């Protein structure tokens, strides 16, 4: 048995080392994440495969996910990937409130720390409005429906220490902090700002070339 193992190691050493390094890289440095739902439309659509920067906030022990050194904390407007214990799955959402922020939502319009967020209309088609939300110093697009959804408003809440308030860009179709509550800091895996590739689920999984390496 030992002779066979030694022989296998000699014959496949380079390949085994490559696989091991790739697994360590994906576990602690960078990875990709498939997006099966439309909760982040129009920024991220079903079939997108997004880049996950696992060094955006922490240096983690590979395969364990335990942070040994904090590099940064998530900021308002970051799109984060996190393992939600309450939802029992990995989610992708946008950071709206950081610890200490006071946030409210009325008819899908945000107020953060007493200041109303600015919105600009872009498109209104088939009962769906696409708006530009000027959150923080950057604008991004969100999607809302004409009919008020159950979670289109919530009263002022203060984001607790080591937690974050997150929302999906598809505001009327997203199970986010309005459903699962604040996101604990230790559940956050990393940040994304790019689509790596995209497949059209409704068209025989053909590639959407215009979304390859698209900044988001």
Protein backbone atom coordinates (compact mmCIF):
# COMPACT_ATOMS: atom_id res chain seq x y z
CA UNK A 1 0.00 0.00 0.00
CA UNK A 2 2.75 2.45 0.96
CA UNK A 3 4.69 1.61 -2.20
CA UNK A 4 1.59 2.28 -4.30
CA UNK A 5 1.01 5.58 -2.53
CA UNK A 6 4.61 6.66 -3.07
CA UNK A 7 4.42 5.67 -6.72
CA UNK A 8 1.18 7.59 -7.20
CA UNK A 9 2.71 10.64 -5.53
CA UNK A 10 5.80 10.54 -7.76
CA UNK A 11 3.72 10.14 -10.93
CA UNK A 12 1.09 12.77 -10.06
CA UNK A 13 2.91 15.16 -7.74
CA UNK A 14 2.52 18.24 -9.92
CA UNK A 15 -1.17 17.61 -10.52
CA UNK A 16 -1.87 16.97 -6.81
CA UNK A 17 -0.05 20.14 -5.78
CA UNK A 18 -1.97 22.12 -8.41
CA UNK A 19 -5.33 20.81 -7.16
CA UNK A 20 -4.39 21.52 -3.54
CA UNK A 21 -3.31 25.09 -4.31
CA UNK A 22 -6.46 25.70 -6.36
CA UNK A 23 -8.66 24.52 -3.47
CA UNK A 24 -6.78 26.74 -1.02
CA UNK A 25 -7.12 29.69 -3.43
CA UNK A 26 -10.87 29.19 -3.83
CA UNK A 27 -11.34 28.71 -0.11
CA UNK A 28 -9.45 31.76 1.15
CA UNK A 29 -8.56 34.11 -1.72
CA UNK A 30 -11.14 34.24 -4.53
CA UNK A 31 -14.01 32.18 -5.86
CA UNK A 32 -17.09 32.45 -8.02
CA UNK A 33 -20.75 32.19 -7.14
CA UNK A 34 -23.70 31.18 -9.31
CA UNK A 35 -26.79 33.40 -9.06
CA UNK A 36 -29.98 31.33 -9.50
CA UNK A 37 -32.55 34.03 -8.62
CA UNK A 38 -33.48 37.55 -9.69
CA UNK A 39 -33.31 39.19 -6.24
CA UNK A 40 -30.50 41.50 -7.39
CA UNK A 41 -32.03 42.56 -10.70
CA UNK A 42 -31.22 44.61 -12.69
CA UNK A 43 -27.62 44.63 -11.39
CA UNK A 44 -27.23 40.85 -11.34
CA UNK A 45 -29.53 38.52 -13.29
CA UNK A 46 -30.31 34.81 -13.17
CA UNK A 47 -27.50 32.83 -14.74
CA UNK A 48 -24.72 35.24 -13.84
CA UNK A 49 -21.60 33.79 -12.28
CA UNK A 50 -20.03 36.49 -10.13
CA UNK A 51 -16.49 36.96 -8.86
CA UNK A 52 -16.09 36.70 -5.07
CA UNK A 53 -13.18 38.58 -3.52
CA UNK A 54 -12.56 36.70 -0.26
CA UNK A 55 -9.74 39.04 0.75
CA UNK A 56 -11.96 42.11 0.62
CA UNK A 57 -12.58 42.07 4.36
CA UNK A 58 -10.63 39.27 6.07
CA UNK A 59 -7.75 36.84 5.88
CA UNK A 60 -9.32 33.48 6.65
CA UNK A 61 -7.96 30.06 7.47
CA UNK A 62 -8.54 27.92 4.33
CA UNK A 63 -11.47 25.46 4.51
CA UNK A 64 -12.43 26.67 8.00
CA UNK A 65 -13.59 30.19 7.20
CA UNK A 66 -12.26 31.57 10.50
CA UNK A 67 -10.87 35.09 10.24
CA UNK A 68 -7.33 35.48 11.56
CA UNK A 69 -6.96 39.11 10.51
CA UNK A 70 -9.52 41.79 9.59
CA UNK A 71 -8.52 43.88 6.58
CA UNK A 72 -11.65 46.04 6.17
CA UNK A 73 -15.30 46.24 7.07
CA UNK A 74 -18.12 46.29 4.50
CA UNK A 75 -19.16 49.76 3.40
CA UNK A 76 -22.48 51.19 2.27
CA UNK A 77 -23.18 50.16 -1.34
CA UNK A 78 -20.91 47.09 -1.28
CA UNK A 79 -22.42 43.95 -2.79
CA UNK A 80 -21.60 41.19 -0.34
CA UNK A 81 -21.80 37.40 -0.35
CA UNK A 82 -22.64 35.77 2.97
CA UNK A 83 -23.64 32.40 4.41
CA UNK A 84 -26.95 33.18 6.10
CA UNK A 85 -27.75 30.92 9.03
CA UNK A 86 -31.36 32.15 9.12
CA UNK A 87 -31.92 31.57 5.40
CA UNK A 88 -29.79 28.40 5.48
CA UNK A 89 -28.05 29.31 2.23
CA UNK A 90 -25.55 31.63 0.60
CA UNK A 91 -26.99 35.01 -0.39
CA UNK A 92 -25.90 38.03 -2.43
CA UNK A 93 -27.21 41.45 -1.33
CA UNK A 94 -26.25 45.13 -1.21
CA UNK A 95 -25.14 46.79 2.03
CA UNK A 96 -27.56 49.61 2.88
CA UNK A 97 -26.79 50.23 6.54
CA UNK A 98 -23.56 49.76 8.52
CA UNK A 99 -23.28 49.58 12.33
CA UNK A 100 -24.79 52.67 13.94
CA UNK A 101 -26.83 53.77 10.91
CA UNK A 102 -30.53 54.52 11.33
CA UNK A 103 -32.44 53.33 8.27
CA UNK A 104 -36.08 53.46 7.21
CA UNK A 105 -37.93 52.62 3.99
CA UNK A 106 -41.19 54.18 2.79
CA UNK A 107 -42.71 53.13 -0.53
CA UNK A 108 -39.29 51.77 -1.58
CA UNK A 109 -37.53 55.07 -0.84
CA UNK A 110 -34.72 54.95 1.72
CA UNK A 111 -33.93 57.42 4.50
CA UNK A 112 -30.51 56.92 6.10
CA UNK A 113 -29.49 58.86 9.21
CA UNK A 114 -32.28 61.37 8.62
CA UNK A 115 -31.33 62.06 5.00
CA UNK A 116 -33.57 60.95 2.16
CA UNK A 117 -31.76 59.05 -0.58
CA UNK A 118 -32.08 60.59 -4.05
CA UNK A 119 -33.73 58.61 -6.87
CA UNK A 120 -33.94 59.20 -10.61
CA UNK A 121 -36.45 57.48 -12.89
CA UNK A 122 -35.03 55.62 -15.85
CA UNK A 123 -37.50 53.10 -17.28
CA UNK A 124 -41.10 52.17 -16.58
CA UNK A 125 -42.31 49.18 -18.55
CA UNK A 126 -44.98 46.53 -17.92
CA UNK A 127 -45.52 47.58 -14.33
CA UNK A 128 -41.82 47.56 -13.43
CA UNK A 129 -39.80 50.72 -12.76
CA UNK A 130 -36.02 50.90 -12.99
CA UNK A 131 -34.63 53.67 -10.79
CA UNK A 132 -31.17 55.01 -10.13
CA UNK A 133 -30.55 55.06 -6.38
CA UNK A 134 -27.83 57.52 -5.34
CA UNK A 135 -26.56 55.67 -2.30
CA UNK A 136 -23.32 56.85 -0.73
CA UNK A 137 -21.15 58.43 -3.45
CA UNK A 138 -22.21 56.01 -6.20
CA UNK A 139 -25.42 55.41 -8.08
CA UNK A 140 -26.81 52.00 -8.93
CA UNK A 141 -30.03 50.76 -10.47
CA UNK A 142 -32.86 49.15 -8.55
CA UNK A 143 -36.10 47.54 -9.69
CA UNK A 144 -39.53 48.11 -8.13
CA UNK A 145 -43.09 47.18 -9.08
CA UNK A 146 -46.03 49.56 -9.38
CA UNK A 147 -48.11 47.59 -6.87
CA UNK A 148 -46.86 48.11 -3.33
CA UNK A 149 -45.33 44.93 -1.98
CA UNK A 150 -45.62 43.85 1.69
CA UNK A 151 -42.04 44.88 2.44
CA UNK A 152 -41.94 48.17 0.52
CA UNK A 153 -41.84 50.08 3.83
CA UNK A 154 -40.39 49.63 7.29
CA UNK A 155 -39.96 52.03 10.24
CA UNK A 156 -36.64 53.43 11.43
CA UNK A 157 -34.24 50.81 12.75
CA UNK A 158 -30.72 51.19 14.13
CA UNK A 159 -28.13 48.78 12.79
CA UNK A 160 -26.47 47.07 15.77
CA UNK A 161 -22.75 46.65 16.31
CA UNK A 162 -21.10 43.98 14.11
CA UNK A 163 -24.21 43.69 11.93
CA UNK A 164 -25.33 45.04 8.55
CA UNK A 165 -28.64 45.88 6.93
CA UNK A 166 -28.79 44.50 3.40
CA UNK A 167 -31.36 44.73 0.60
CA UNK A 168 -31.68 43.20 -2.84
CA UNK A 169 -31.73 45.57 -5.81
CA UNK A 170 -34.97 43.89 -6.89
CA UNK A 171 -36.69 45.53 -3.95
CA UNK A 172 -40.09 43.85 -4.23
CA UNK A 173 -38.69 40.36 -4.78
CA UNK A 174 -35.84 39.84 -2.34
CA UNK A 175 -35.58 37.92 0.94
CA UNK A 176 -33.12 40.27 2.62
CA UNK A 177 -32.87 42.04 5.99
CA UNK A 178 -36.61 42.65 5.85
CA UNK A 179 -37.03 38.86 6.15
CA UNK A 180 -33.85 37.46 7.75
CA UNK A 181 -32.89 40.47 9.89
CA UNK A 182 -29.48 42.09 10.20
CA UNK A 183 -26.50 40.17 8.81
CA UNK A 184 -23.79 39.33 11.37
CA UNK A 185 -20.27 40.37 10.40
CA UNK A 186 -18.95 36.81 10.79
CA UNK A 187 -21.34 35.46 8.13
CA UNK A 188 -19.85 37.65 5.39
CA UNK A 189 -17.62 35.76 2.95
CA UNK A 190 -16.53 38.49 0.59
CA UNK A 191 -17.45 41.18 -1.91
CA UNK A 192 -18.24 41.20 -5.61
CA UNK A 193 -17.91 43.88 -8.27
CA UNK A 194 -17.83 41.84 -11.47
CA UNK A 195 -19.72 39.20 -13.45
CA UNK A 196 -17.31 36.55 -14.73
CA UNK A 197 -19.68 34.93 -17.21
CA UNK A 198 -23.41 34.56 -17.75
CA UNK A 199 -25.72 31.88 -19.17
CA UNK A 200 -29.26 32.54 -20.33
CA UNK A 201 -31.46 30.07 -18.44
CA UNK A 202 -34.42 30.86 -20.70
CA UNK A 203 -32.56 30.34 -23.96
CA UNK A 204 -30.92 26.90 -23.78
CA UNK A 205 -28.22 28.19 -21.41
CA UNK A 206 -26.55 30.09 -24.23
CA UNK A 207 -23.81 32.48 -23.07
CA UNK A 208 -24.66 36.17 -22.72
CA UNK A 209 -21.40 37.50 -24.12
CA UNK A 210 -22.31 41.11 -23.29
CA UNK A 211 -22.24 40.21 -19.58
CA UNK A 212 -18.85 38.48 -19.55
CA UNK A 213 -16.45 40.37 -17.22
CA UNK A 214 -19.07 43.07 -16.70
CA UNK A 215 -18.49 45.51 -13.83
CA UNK A 216 -21.39 45.76 -11.41
